[in-house]
N, C-alpha and C. Protein backbone atom coordinates (compact mmCIF):
# COMPACT_ATOMS: atom_id res chain seq x y z
N MET A 1 45.71 -49.30 -86.80
CA MET A 1 47.07 -49.69 -87.08
C MET A 1 47.78 -49.93 -85.75
N ASN A 2 48.55 -50.99 -85.70
CA ASN A 2 49.24 -51.26 -84.44
C ASN A 2 50.45 -50.34 -84.27
N SER A 3 50.89 -50.22 -83.04
CA SER A 3 51.96 -49.28 -82.72
C SER A 3 53.29 -49.65 -83.38
N GLN A 4 53.52 -50.93 -83.57
CA GLN A 4 54.76 -51.36 -84.21
C GLN A 4 54.80 -50.91 -85.67
N ARG A 5 53.68 -51.05 -86.36
CA ARG A 5 53.60 -50.61 -87.76
C ARG A 5 53.76 -49.10 -87.85
N ARG A 6 53.11 -48.37 -86.95
CA ARG A 6 53.20 -46.90 -86.95
C ARG A 6 54.65 -46.47 -86.72
N LEU A 7 55.33 -47.13 -85.81
CA LEU A 7 56.73 -46.82 -85.54
C LEU A 7 57.58 -47.07 -86.78
N ALA A 8 57.33 -48.17 -87.47
CA ALA A 8 58.07 -48.47 -88.70
C ALA A 8 57.82 -47.40 -89.75
N TYR A 9 56.58 -46.95 -89.90
CA TYR A 9 56.25 -45.92 -90.89
C TYR A 9 56.99 -44.62 -90.58
N HIS A 10 57.03 -44.25 -89.32
CA HIS A 10 57.72 -43.01 -88.96
C HIS A 10 59.23 -43.15 -89.14
N ALA A 11 59.77 -44.32 -88.89
CA ALA A 11 61.20 -44.55 -89.11
C ALA A 11 61.53 -44.43 -90.60
N ILE A 12 60.68 -44.99 -91.45
CA ILE A 12 60.89 -44.88 -92.89
C ILE A 12 60.84 -43.41 -93.32
N LYS A 13 59.90 -42.68 -92.77
CA LYS A 13 59.76 -41.26 -93.11
C LYS A 13 61.03 -40.50 -92.73
N GLU A 14 61.57 -40.76 -91.56
CA GLU A 14 62.79 -40.08 -91.10
C GLU A 14 63.99 -40.44 -91.99
N VAL A 15 64.14 -41.70 -92.30
CA VAL A 15 65.26 -42.13 -93.14
C VAL A 15 65.14 -41.53 -94.53
N ASN A 16 63.94 -41.47 -95.05
CA ASN A 16 63.73 -41.00 -96.42
C ASN A 16 64.00 -39.52 -96.59
N GLN A 17 63.95 -38.74 -95.55
CA GLN A 17 64.18 -37.30 -95.68
C GLN A 17 65.56 -36.99 -96.23
N ASN A 18 66.51 -37.88 -96.03
CA ASN A 18 67.87 -37.65 -96.53
C ASN A 18 68.28 -38.57 -97.67
N ASN A 19 67.52 -39.62 -97.91
CA ASN A 19 67.90 -40.62 -98.92
C ASN A 19 66.74 -40.92 -99.85
N HIS A 20 66.74 -40.29 -101.01
CA HIS A 20 65.66 -40.53 -101.96
C HIS A 20 65.73 -41.96 -102.48
N GLY A 21 64.58 -42.59 -102.64
CA GLY A 21 64.50 -43.95 -103.13
C GLY A 21 64.53 -44.99 -102.03
N THR A 22 64.80 -44.57 -100.82
CA THR A 22 64.88 -45.51 -99.70
C THR A 22 63.51 -46.06 -99.32
N VAL A 23 62.47 -45.27 -99.48
CA VAL A 23 61.12 -45.71 -99.11
C VAL A 23 60.77 -47.00 -99.82
N THR A 24 61.01 -47.06 -101.11
CA THR A 24 60.67 -48.24 -101.89
C THR A 24 61.38 -49.48 -101.35
N LYS A 25 62.64 -49.35 -101.04
CA LYS A 25 63.41 -50.49 -100.52
C LYS A 25 62.88 -50.95 -99.16
N LEU A 26 62.64 -50.00 -98.27
CA LEU A 26 62.18 -50.36 -96.93
C LEU A 26 60.76 -50.93 -96.96
N LEU A 27 59.90 -50.38 -97.80
CA LEU A 27 58.54 -50.91 -97.90
C LEU A 27 58.56 -52.33 -98.45
N SER A 28 59.48 -52.59 -99.36
CA SER A 28 59.62 -53.94 -99.90
C SER A 28 60.01 -54.93 -98.80
N ILE A 29 60.91 -54.53 -97.94
CA ILE A 29 61.33 -55.38 -96.82
C ILE A 29 60.16 -55.65 -95.88
N LEU A 30 59.36 -54.61 -95.61
CA LEU A 30 58.21 -54.74 -94.71
C LEU A 30 57.00 -55.39 -95.37
N LYS A 31 57.08 -55.54 -96.71
CA LYS A 31 55.97 -56.08 -97.49
C LYS A 31 54.71 -55.22 -97.32
N VAL A 32 54.92 -53.90 -97.47
CA VAL A 32 53.84 -52.92 -97.38
C VAL A 32 53.81 -52.16 -98.69
N SER A 33 52.61 -51.94 -99.22
CA SER A 33 52.50 -51.17 -100.46
C SER A 33 52.75 -49.70 -100.17
N ARG A 34 53.18 -48.98 -101.19
CA ARG A 34 53.42 -47.55 -101.07
C ARG A 34 52.13 -46.83 -100.68
N GLN A 35 51.02 -47.26 -101.27
CA GLN A 35 49.72 -46.66 -100.97
C GLN A 35 49.36 -46.85 -99.50
N ALA A 36 49.53 -48.05 -98.98
CA ALA A 36 49.21 -48.32 -97.57
C ALA A 36 50.12 -47.51 -96.64
N TYR A 37 51.38 -47.36 -97.02
CA TYR A 37 52.33 -46.59 -96.22
C TYR A 37 51.87 -45.13 -96.09
N TYR A 38 51.58 -44.49 -97.21
CA TYR A 38 51.19 -43.08 -97.15
C TYR A 38 49.83 -42.89 -96.49
N LYS A 39 48.93 -43.83 -96.69
CA LYS A 39 47.64 -43.76 -96.02
C LYS A 39 47.84 -43.91 -94.51
N GLY A 40 48.70 -44.81 -94.10
CA GLY A 40 48.98 -45.03 -92.68
C GLY A 40 49.65 -43.84 -92.01
N LEU A 41 50.49 -43.12 -92.75
CA LEU A 41 51.15 -41.95 -92.18
C LEU A 41 50.15 -40.87 -91.81
N HIS A 42 49.08 -40.77 -92.57
CA HIS A 42 48.11 -39.70 -92.36
C HIS A 42 46.91 -40.14 -91.53
N ARG A 43 46.89 -41.39 -91.13
CA ARG A 43 45.79 -41.91 -90.32
C ARG A 43 45.93 -41.42 -88.89
N ASP A 44 44.81 -41.08 -88.27
CA ASP A 44 44.81 -40.66 -86.87
C ASP A 44 45.09 -41.84 -85.97
N VAL A 45 45.78 -41.59 -84.88
CA VAL A 45 46.08 -42.63 -83.89
C VAL A 45 44.85 -42.82 -83.02
N THR A 46 44.42 -44.08 -82.87
CA THR A 46 43.30 -44.38 -81.99
C THR A 46 43.80 -45.23 -80.84
N THR A 47 43.20 -45.06 -79.70
CA THR A 47 43.63 -45.85 -78.53
C THR A 47 42.53 -46.75 -78.06
């Protein structure tokens, strides 16, 4: 996963901690499936 995508995933995670339902809206904007988002959050960073 590229660093820009990882940064976006972490930003969504931070925003969602206070606003339920926000993940769906932000993922729609990024055109990322919910499944891919959660899989990406738990993926190890490779260099």
